[in-house]
């Protein structure tokens, strides 16, 4: 289990514990919960797991000779465009962070799995924020895989896929759409009334909606929908809707339910 706290904090707490400092005092000193100190002692003192961080040397599939899981990357790209960002860390390392609603545990678990598939041997960790979970993996090569990374918010700068990214999405449009719609999309039920033989009747029907303030990202969503021949329309300035019954069924088949 990866640590949310820096390893330097874990190591300092373990040294104090080895020296006989009590759990409560150790927790207060390092500003963590007592149960966290106990978990670290269990892992490293009682079970004898090796201490220290292990750094994997995964080759980059863009600037080196690494292998890219293209379907998983297409889906992770959709998540990144929807609710992801990259931050610069120390020593030339970057963190890929994807924010998602805490109500969707399956999607949050899937995010960690996607990151492990795109960067083998990685250890994604999560952080709780009000109403959401942030899943993170560090790597020096995230800007290689996501050249859309840049300063400021995505809707304030051009978002254009490189040729190799477009080729990946063309090969795997379903996973790309799954990432987009599971991050910034929703499946809702709309209703309308109609007079039939003098009687007003109500009809309910499902609809998928993708909402994003970036015009470039909305256009990428529409392009991918065209690739799989799913009809769409722009129902608002920032919203793409899939409303026809057969189109909703097709998209359901491609991306599955949020959860």
C-alpha atoms as a PDB file:
ATOM      1  CA  UNK A   1       0.000   0.000   0.000  1.00  0.00           C
ATOM      2  CA  UNK A   2       1.594   3.308  -1.068  1.00  0.00           C
ATOM      3  CA  UNK A   3       1.900   6.058   1.509  1.00  0.00           C
ATOM      4  CA  UNK A   4       0.161   9.400   1.180  1.00  0.00           C
ATOM      5  CA  UNK A   5       2.732  10.938   3.542  1.00  0.00           C
ATOM      6  CA  UNK A   6       6.261  11.517   2.216  1.00  0.00           C
ATOM      7  CA  UNK A   7       8.584   8.603   2.849  1.00  0.00           C
ATOM      8  CA  UNK A   8      10.800  10.902   4.921  1.00  0.00           C
ATOM      9  CA  UNK A   9       7.916  11.210   7.406  1.00  0.00           C
ATOM     10  CA  UNK A  10       7.401   7.441   7.516  1.00  0.00           C
ATOM     11  CA  UNK A  11      11.112   6.856   8.008  1.00  0.00           C
ATOM     12  CA  UNK A  12      11.377   9.444  10.800  1.00  0.00           C
ATOM     13  CA  UNK A  13       8.414   7.945  12.629  1.00  0.00           C
ATOM     14  CA  UNK A  14       9.870   4.451  12.337  1.00  0.00           C
ATOM     15  CA  UNK A  15      13.209   5.608  13.749  1.00  0.00           C
ATOM     16  CA  UNK A  16      11.440   7.158  16.732  1.00  0.00           C
ATOM     17  CA  UNK A  17       9.389   4.022  17.211  1.00  0.00           C
ATOM     18  CA  UNK A  18      12.552   1.879  17.075  1.00  0.00           C
ATOM     19  CA  UNK A  19      14.008   4.178  19.745  1.00  0.00           C
ATOM     20  CA  UNK A  20      11.029   3.506  22.024  1.00  0.00           C
ATOM     21  CA  UNK A  21       8.834   6.579  21.484  1.00  0.00           C
ATOM     22  CA  UNK A  22       5.182   5.780  22.238  1.00  0.00           C
ATOM     23  CA  UNK A  23       2.595   5.725  19.467  1.00  0.00           C
ATOM     24  CA  UNK A  24       0.607   8.725  20.753  1.00  0.00           C
ATOM     25  CA  UNK A  25       3.687  10.927  21.111  1.00  0.00           C
ATOM     26  CA  UNK A  26       5.014   9.721  17.771  1.00  0.00           C
ATOM     27  CA  UNK A  27       1.722  10.546  16.067  1.00  0.00           C
ATOM     28  CA  UNK A  28       1.637  14.025  17.608  1.00  0.00           C
ATOM     29  CA  UNK A  29       5.233  14.698  16.594  1.00  0.00           C
ATOM     30  CA  UNK A  30       4.644  13.718  12.948  1.00  0.00           C
ATOM     31  CA  UNK A  31       1.087  15.092  12.737  1.00  0.00           C
ATOM     32  CA  UNK A  32      -0.547  11.810  11.768  1.00  0.00           C
ATOM     33  CA  UNK A  33      -3.196   9.618  13.371  1.00  0.00           C
ATOM     34  CA  UNK A  34      -2.178   7.085  16.020  1.00  0.00           C
ATOM     35  CA  UNK A  35      -3.609   4.307  13.853  1.00  0.00           C
ATOM     36  CA  UNK A  36      -1.262   5.417  11.060  1.00  0.00           C
ATOM     37  CA  UNK A  37       1.771   4.946  13.330  1.00  0.00           C
ATOM     38  CA  UNK A  38       0.444   1.526  14.312  1.00  0.00           C
ATOM     39  CA  UNK A  39      -0.030   0.569  10.664  1.00  0.00           C
ATOM     40  CA  UNK A  40       3.539   1.599   9.815  1.00  0.00           C
ATOM     41  CA  UNK A  41       4.888  -0.391  12.775  1.00  0.00           C
ATOM     42  CA  UNK A  42       2.843  -3.411  11.722  1.00  0.00           C
ATOM     43  CA  UNK A  43       4.167  -3.267   8.175  1.00  0.00           C
ATOM     44  CA  UNK A  44       7.830  -2.625   8.919  1.00  0.00           C
ATOM     45  CA  UNK A  45       8.525  -3.774  12.476  1.00  0.00           C
ATOM     46  CA  UNK A  46       6.294  -6.819  12.935  1.00  0.00           C
ATOM     47  CA  UNK A  47       6.047  -8.087   9.363  1.00  0.00           C
ATOM     48  CA  UNK A  48       9.583  -7.090   8.476  1.00  0.00           C
ATOM     49  CA  UNK A  49       8.783  -5.589   5.076  1.00  0.00           C
ATOM     50  CA  UNK A  50      11.780  -3.800   3.540  1.00  0.00           C
ATOM     51  CA  UNK A  51      12.018  -0.135   4.347  1.00  0.00           C
ATOM     52  CA  UNK A  52      12.646   2.584   1.831  1.00  0.00           C
ATOM     53  CA  UNK A  53      11.059   3.465  -1.477  1.00  0.00           C
ATOM     54  CA  UNK A  54      11.573   1.392  -4.564  1.00  0.00           C
ATOM     55  CA  UNK A  55      11.823   3.334  -7.801  1.00  0.00           C
ATOM     56  CA  UNK A  56      10.657   1.579 -10.921  1.00  0.00           C
ATOM     57  CA  UNK A  57      12.430   2.320 -14.180  1.00  0.00           C
ATOM     58  CA  UNK A  58       9.570   1.997 -16.638  1.00  0.00           C
ATOM     59  CA  UNK A  59      10.638   2.987 -20.140  1.00  0.00           C
ATOM     60  CA  UNK A  60       8.604   5.738 -21.761  1.00  0.00           C
ATOM     61  CA  UNK A  61       6.686   4.532 -24.849  1.00  0.00           C
ATOM     62  CA  UNK A  62       7.112   7.931 -26.514  1.00  0.00           C
ATOM     63  CA  UNK A  63      10.736   9.038 -25.998  1.00  0.00           C
ATOM     64  CA  UNK A  64      12.163   5.594 -25.160  1.00  0.00           C
ATOM     65  CA  UNK A  65      11.419   2.010 -26.171  1.00  0.00           C
ATOM     66  CA  UNK A  66       8.556   1.319 -23.746  1.00  0.00           C
ATOM     67  CA  UNK A  67       5.346  -0.438 -24.742  1.00  0.00           C
ATOM     68  CA  UNK A  68       2.029   1.424 -24.512  1.00  0.00           C
ATOM     69  CA  UNK A  69      -1.221  -0.308 -23.556  1.00  0.00           C
ATOM     70  CA  UNK A  70      -3.167   1.621 -26.179  1.00  0.00           C
ATOM     71  CA  UNK A  71      -6.720   0.820 -25.062  1.00  0.00           C
ATOM     72  CA  UNK A  72      -5.959   1.716 -21.443  1.00  0.00           C
ATOM     73  CA  UNK A  73      -4.186   4.865 -22.567  1.00  0.00           C
ATOM     74  CA  UNK A  74      -7.188   5.936 -24.672  1.00  0.00           C
ATOM     75  CA  UNK A  75      -9.437   5.622 -21.631  1.00  0.00           C
ATOM     76  CA  UNK A  76      -6.975   7.413 -19.343  1.00  0.00           C
ATOM     77  CA  UNK A  77      -6.670  10.181 -21.946  1.00  0.00           C
ATOM     78  CA  UNK A  78     -10.433  10.692 -21.734  1.00  0.00           C
ATOM     79  CA  UNK A  79     -10.219  10.926 -17.958  1.00  0.00           C
ATOM     80  CA  UNK A  80      -7.299  13.364 -18.185  1.00  0.00           C
ATOM     81  CA  UNK A  81      -9.160  15.649 -20.590  1.00  0.00           C
ATOM     82  CA  UNK A  82     -12.226  15.549 -18.375  1.00  0.00           C
ATOM     83  CA  UNK A  83     -10.968  15.891 -14.811  1.00  0.00           C
ATOM     84  CA  UNK A  84      -7.207  15.397 -14.846  1.00  0.00           C
ATOM     85  CA  UNK A  85      -4.159  17.580 -14.504  1.00  0.00           C
ATOM     86  CA  UNK A  86      -0.389  17.227 -14.245  1.00  0.00           C
ATOM     87  CA  UNK A  87       1.772  18.946 -11.656  1.00  0.00           C
ATOM     88  CA  UNK A  88       5.533  19.376 -11.509  1.00  0.00           C
ATOM     89  CA  UNK A  89       7.154  17.729  -8.503  1.00  0.00           C
ATOM     90  CA  UNK A  90      10.775  17.483  -7.385  1.00  0.00           C
ATOM     91  CA  UNK A  91      13.742  16.196  -9.396  1.00  0.00           C
ATOM     92  CA  UNK A  92      12.018  16.350 -12.768  1.00  0.00           C
ATOM     93  CA  UNK A  93       9.088  14.145 -11.712  1.00  0.00           C
ATOM     94  CA  UNK A  94       5.486  14.958 -12.597  1.00  0.00           C
ATOM     95  CA  UNK A  95       2.295  13.847 -10.900  1.00  0.00           C
ATOM     96  CA  UNK A  96      -0.780  12.807 -12.880  1.00  0.00           C
ATOM     97  CA  UNK A  97      -3.892  13.566 -10.820  1.00  0.00           C
ATOM     98  CA  UNK A  98      -7.477  12.661 -11.716  1.00  0.00           C
ATOM     99  CA  UNK A  99     -10.336  13.948  -9.578  1.00  0.00           C
ATOM    100  CA  UNK A 100     -13.580  11.970  -9.394  1.00  0.00           C
ATOM    101  CA  UNK A 101     -16.722  11.935  -7.285  1.00  0.00           C
ATOM    102  CA  UNK A 102     -16.551   9.719  -4.191  1.00  0.00           C
ATOM    103  CA  UNK A 103     -19.963   8.262  -5.116  1.00  0.00           C
ATOM    104  CA  UNK A 104     -18.373   6.119  -7.825  1.00  0.00           C
ATOM    105  CA  UNK A 105     -16.080   3.572  -6.138  1.00  0.00           C
ATOM    106  CA  UNK A 106     -15.866   1.330  -9.202  1.00  0.00           C
ATOM    107  CA  UNK A 107     -14.703   4.211 -11.376  1.00  0.00           C
ATOM    108  CA  UNK A 108     -12.156   5.263  -8.766  1.00  0.00           C
ATOM    109  CA  UNK A 109     -10.798   1.729  -8.584  1.00  0.00           C
ATOM    110  CA  UNK A 110     -10.717   1.639 -12.384  1.00  0.00           C
ATOM    111  CA  UNK A 111      -8.642   4.829 -12.444  1.00  0.00           C
ATOM    112  CA  UNK A 112      -5.938   3.206 -10.338  1.00  0.00           C
ATOM    113  CA  UNK A 113      -5.956   0.166 -12.598  1.00  0.00           C
ATOM    114  CA  UNK A 114      -5.656   2.322 -15.733  1.00  0.00           C
ATOM    115  CA  UNK A 115      -2.652   4.146 -14.302  1.00  0.00           C
ATOM    116  CA  UNK A 116      -0.982   0.828 -13.473  1.00  0.00           C
ATOM    117  CA  UNK A 117      -1.629  -0.420 -17.023  1.00  0.00           C
ATOM    118  CA  UNK A 118      -0.270   2.729 -18.656  1.00  0.00           C
ATOM    119  CA  UNK A 119       2.702   2.915 -16.275  1.00  0.00           C
ATOM    120  CA  UNK A 120       3.497  -0.681 -15.282  1.00  0.00           C
ATOM    121  CA  UNK A 121       4.850  -1.292 -11.777  1.00  0.00           C
ATOM    122  CA  UNK A 122       3.391   1.999 -10.563  1.00  0.00           C
ATOM    123  CA  UNK A 123       1.640   2.358  -7.229  1.00  0.00           C
ATOM    124  CA  UNK A 124      -1.274   4.808  -7.520  1.00  0.00           C
ATOM    125  CA  UNK A 125      -2.365   6.452  -4.303  1.00  0.00           C
ATOM    126  CA  UNK A 126      -5.546   8.305  -3.437  1.00  0.00           C
ATOM    127  CA  UNK A 127      -6.322  11.391  -1.428  1.00  0.00           C
ATOM    128  CA  UNK A 128      -9.715  12.363  -0.060  1.00  0.00           C
ATOM    129  CA  UNK A 129     -10.983  15.889  -0.594  1.00  0.00           C
ATOM    130  CA  UNK A 130     -14.512  17.170   0.118  1.00  0.00           C
ATOM    131  CA  UNK A 131     -16.845  15.116  -2.049  1.00  0.00           C
ATOM    132  CA  UNK A 132     -14.122  13.653  -4.254  1.00  0.00           C
ATOM    133  CA  UNK A 133     -11.142  11.309  -4.509  1.00  0.00           C
ATOM    134  CA  UNK A 134      -7.895  12.273  -6.244  1.00  0.00           C
ATOM    135  CA  UNK A 135      -5.949   9.377  -7.769  1.00  0.00           C
ATOM    136  CA  UNK A 136      -2.275  10.099  -8.403  1.00  0.00           C
ATOM    137  CA  UNK A 137       0.783   8.457  -9.941  1.00  0.00           C
ATOM    138  CA  UNK A 138       4.202  10.086 -10.330  1.00  0.00           C
ATOM    139  CA  UNK A 139       6.442   9.703 -13.382  1.00  0.00           C
ATOM    140  CA  UNK A 140       8.971  11.767 -15.276  1.00  0.00           C
ATOM    141  CA  UNK A 141       7.275  10.979 -18.567  1.00  0.00           C
ATOM    142  CA  UNK A 142       3.669  12.077 -18.048  1.00  0.00           C
ATOM    143  CA  UNK A 143       4.227  15.188 -20.237  1.00  0.00           C
ATOM    144  CA  UNK A 144       5.380  12.823 -23.013  1.00  0.00           C
ATOM    145  CA  UNK A 145       2.107  10.909 -22.833  1.00  0.00           C
ATOM    146  CA  UNK A 146      -0.030  13.997 -22.295  1.00  0.00           C
ATOM    147  CA  UNK A 147       1.528  16.786 -24.377  1.00  0.00           C
ATOM    148  CA  UNK A 148      -1.645  18.814 -23.731  1.00  0.00           C
ATOM    149  CA  UNK A 149      -0.157  19.596 -20.325  1.00  0.00           C
ATOM    150  CA  UNK A 150       0.552  23.285 -19.854  1.00  0.00           C
ATOM    151  CA  UNK A 151       0.072  26.231 -17.512  1.00  0.00           C
ATOM    152  CA  UNK A 152      -3.427  27.323 -16.635  1.00  0.00           C
ATOM    153  CA  UNK A 153      -6.792  25.652 -17.102  1.00  0.00           C
ATOM    154  CA  UNK A 154      -7.434  23.464 -20.126  1.00  0.00           C
ATOM    155  CA  UNK A 155     -10.317  25.591 -21.399  1.00  0.00           C
ATOM    156  CA  UNK A 156      -8.017  28.634 -21.478  1.00  0.00           C
ATOM    157  CA  UNK A 157      -5.550  27.105 -23.933  1.00  0.00           C
ATOM    158  CA  UNK A 158      -5.756  25.037 -27.146  1.00  0.00           C
ATOM    159  CA  UNK A 159      -6.235  21.296 -26.650  1.00  0.00           C
ATOM    160  CA  UNK A 160      -5.104  19.460 -29.778  1.00  0.00           C
ATOM    161  CA  UNK A 161      -4.164  15.782 -29.958  1.00  0.00           C
ATOM    162  CA  UNK A 162      -0.863  14.764 -31.519  1.00  0.00           C
ATOM    163  CA  UNK A 163      -1.069  12.504 -34.556  1.00  0.00           C
ATOM    164  CA  UNK A 164      -0.092   9.429 -32.527  1.00  0.00           C
ATOM    165  CA  UNK A 165      -2.819  10.190 -29.975  1.00  0.00           C
ATOM    166  CA  UNK A 166      -5.431  10.523 -32.713  1.00  0.00           C
ATOM    167  CA  UNK A 167      -4.324   7.158 -34.082  1.00  0.00           C
ATOM    168  CA  UNK A 168      -4.766   5.585 -30.630  1.00  0.00           C
ATOM    169  CA  UNK A 169      -8.282   7.030 -30.284  1.00  0.00           C
ATOM    170  CA  UNK A 170      -9.205   5.938 -33.810  1.00  0.00           C
ATOM    171  CA  UNK A 171      -8.220   2.399 -32.826  1.00  0.00           C
ATOM    172  CA  UNK A 172      -9.973   2.588 -29.427  1.00  0.00           C
ATOM    173  CA  UNK A 173     -12.807   5.153 -29.546  1.00  0.00           C
ATOM    174  CA  UNK A 174     -14.942   3.262 -27.008  1.00  0.00           C
ATOM    175  CA  UNK A 175     -12.430   3.454 -24.145  1.00  0.00           C
ATOM    176  CA  UNK A 176     -11.735   7.104 -24.981  1.00  0.00           C
ATOM    177  CA  UNK A 177     -15.447   7.892 -24.761  1.00  0.00           C
ATOM    178  CA  UNK A 178     -15.685   5.919 -21.523  1.00  0.00           C
ATOM    179  CA  UNK A 179     -13.031   8.136 -19.977  1.00  0.00           C
ATOM    180  CA  UNK A 180     -14.730  11.303 -21.192  1.00  0.00           C
ATOM    181  CA  UNK A 181     -18.289  10.411 -20.190  1.00  0.00           C
ATOM    182  CA  UNK A 182     -17.349   8.803 -16.877  1.00  0.00           C
ATOM    183  CA  UNK A 183     -15.407  11.913 -15.895  1.00  0.00           C
ATOM    184  CA  UNK A 184     -17.456  14.816 -17.250  1.00  0.00           C
ATOM    185  CA  UNK A 185     -20.611  13.035 -18.355  1.00  0.00           C
ATOM    186  CA  UNK A 186     -23.883  11.877 -16.860  1.00  0.00           C
ATOM    187  CA  UNK A 187     -26.747   9.573 -17.793  1.00  0.00           C
ATOM    188  CA  UNK A 188     -30.007  11.283 -16.980  1.00  0.00           C
ATOM    189  CA  UNK A 189     -33.686  10.657 -17.589  1.00  0.00           C
ATOM    190  CA  UNK A 190     -35.630  13.317 -19.440  1.00  0.00           C
ATOM    191  CA  UNK A 191     -39.359  13.505 -19.895  1.00  0.00           C
ATOM    192  CA  UNK A 192     -41.852  15.037 -22.261  1.00  0.00           C
ATOM    193  CA  UNK A 193     -45.632  15.140 -22.554  1.00  0.00           C
ATOM    194  CA  UNK A 194     -47.709  14.509 -25.639  1.00  0.00           C
ATOM    195  CA  UNK A 195     -51.423  14.479 -26.333  1.00  0.00           C
ATOM    196  CA  UNK A 196     -52.496  11.071 -27.635  1.00  0.00           C
ATOM    197  CA  UNK A 197     -56.143  10.591 -28.591  1.00  0.00           C
ATOM    198  CA  UNK A 198     -57.137  13.589 -26.522  1.00  0.00           C
ATOM    199  CA  UNK A 199     -55.213  12.425 -23.449  1.00  0.00           C
ATOM    200  CA  UNK A 200     -51.925  13.953 -22.280  1.00  0.00           C
ATOM    201  CA  UNK A 201     -49.302  11.295 -21.620  1.00  0.00           C
ATOM    202  CA  UNK A 202     -45.846  11.551 -20.123  1.00  0.00           C
ATOM    203  CA  UNK A 203     -42.859   9.814 -21.680  1.00  0.00           C
ATOM    204  CA  UNK A 204     -39.533   9.209 -19.935  1.00  0.00           C
ATOM    205  CA  UNK A 205     -36.344   8.510 -21.858  1.00  0.00           C
ATOM    206  CA  UNK A 206     -32.633   8.256 -20.989  1.00  0.00           C
ATOM    207  CA  UNK A 207     -29.972  10.599 -22.285  1.00  0.00           C
ATOM    208  CA  UNK A 208     -26.200  10.816 -22.036  1.00  0.00           C
ATOM    209  CA  UNK A 209     -24.714  14.290 -21.610  1.00  0.00           C
ATOM    210  CA  UNK A 210     -21.087  15.388 -21.783  1.00  0.00           C
ATOM    211  CA  UNK A 211     -20.414  18.788 -20.251  1.00  0.00           C
ATOM    212  CA  UNK A 212     -17.106  20.615 -20.588  1.00  0.00           C
ATOM    213  CA  UNK A 213     -16.322  24.306 -20.965  1.00  0.00           C
ATOM    214  CA  UNK A 214     -13.455  23.644 -23.408  1.00  0.00           C
ATOM    215  CA  UNK A 215     -14.653  23.828 -27.001  1.00  0.00           C
ATOM    216  CA  UNK A 216     -11.671  21.765 -28.142  1.00  0.00           C
ATOM    217  CA  UNK A 217     -12.494  18.940 -25.713  1.00  0.00           C
ATOM    218  CA  UNK A 218     -16.179  18.991 -26.701  1.00  0.00           C
ATOM    219  CA  UNK A 219     -15.129  18.716 -30.341  1.00  0.00           C
ATOM    220  CA  UNK A 220     -12.919  15.725 -29.508  1.00  0.00           C
ATOM    221  CA  UNK A 221     -15.924  14.087 -27.859  1.00  0.00           C
ATOM    222  CA  UNK A 222     -18.043  14.713 -30.972  1.00  0.00           C
ATOM    223  CA  UNK A 223     -15.277  13.350 -33.213  1.00  0.00           C
ATOM    224  CA  UNK A 224     -15.082  10.136 -31.172  1.00  0.00           C
ATOM    225  CA  UNK A 225     -18.884   9.781 -31.244  1.00  0.00           C
ATOM    226  CA  UNK A 226     -18.729  10.084 -35.038  1.00  0.00           C
ATOM    227  CA  UNK A 227     -16.087   7.347 -35.121  1.00  0.00           C
ATOM    228  CA  UNK A 228     -18.548   4.905 -33.516  1.00  0.00           C
ATOM    229  CA  UNK A 229     -21.530   6.314 -35.460  1.00  0.00           C
ATOM    230  CA  UNK A 230     -23.398   7.541 -32.386  1.00  0.00           C
ATOM    231  CA  UNK A 231     -25.622  10.544 -33.284  1.00  0.00           C
ATOM    232  CA  UNK A 232     -25.226  13.579 -31.041  1.00  0.00           C
ATOM    233  CA  UNK A 233     -26.312  17.181 -30.799  1.00  0.00           C
ATOM    234  CA  UNK A 234     -25.156  20.246 -28.905  1.00  0.00           C
ATOM    235  CA  UNK A 235     -27.959  20.908 -26.435  1.00  0.00           C
ATOM    236  CA  UNK A 236     -26.225  23.846 -24.764  1.00  0.00           C
ATOM    237  CA  UNK A 237     -23.087  25.874 -25.392  1.00  0.00           C
ATOM    238  CA  UNK A 238     -21.074  23.558 -23.116  1.00  0.00           C
ATOM    239  CA  UNK A 239     -23.062  20.317 -23.405  1.00  0.00           C
ATOM    240  CA  UNK A 240     -23.110  17.480 -25.955  1.00  0.00           C
ATOM    241  CA  UNK A 241     -26.187  15.218 -25.763  1.00  0.00           C
ATOM    242  CA  UNK A 242     -26.873  11.703 -27.005  1.00  0.00           C
ATOM    243  CA  UNK A 243     -30.649  11.326 -26.904  1.00  0.00           C
ATOM    244  CA  UNK A 244     -31.945   8.948 -29.575  1.00  0.00           C
ATOM    245  CA  UNK A 245     -32.966   5.604 -28.149  1.00  0.00           C
ATOM    246  CA  UNK A 246     -30.690   3.540 -30.392  1.00  0.00           C
ATOM    247  CA  UNK A 247     -27.799   5.974 -29.843  1.00  0.00           C
ATOM    248  CA  UNK A 248     -28.142   5.780 -26.059  1.00  0.00           C
ATOM    249  CA  UNK A 249     -28.219   1.992 -26.258  1.00  0.00           C
ATOM    250  CA  UNK A 250     -25.084   1.984 -28.410  1.00  0.00           C
ATOM    251  CA  UNK A 251     -23.245   4.313 -26.021  1.00  0.00           C
ATOM    252  CA  UNK A 252     -24.395   2.223 -23.034  1.00  0.00           C
ATOM    253  CA  UNK A 253     -22.825  -0.784 -24.719  1.00  0.00           C
ATOM    254  CA  UNK A 254     -19.560   1.041 -25.365  1.00  0.00           C
ATOM    255  CA  UNK A 255     -18.933   2.782 -22.056  1.00  0.00           C
ATOM    256  CA  UNK A 256     -21.056   1.015 -19.442  1.00  0.00           C
ATOM    257  CA  UNK A 257     -22.678   2.674 -16.413  1.00  0.00           C
ATOM    258  CA  UNK A 258     -20.949   5.038 -14.050  1.00  0.00           C
ATOM    259  CA  UNK A 259     -20.486   3.507 -10.647  1.00  0.00           C
END
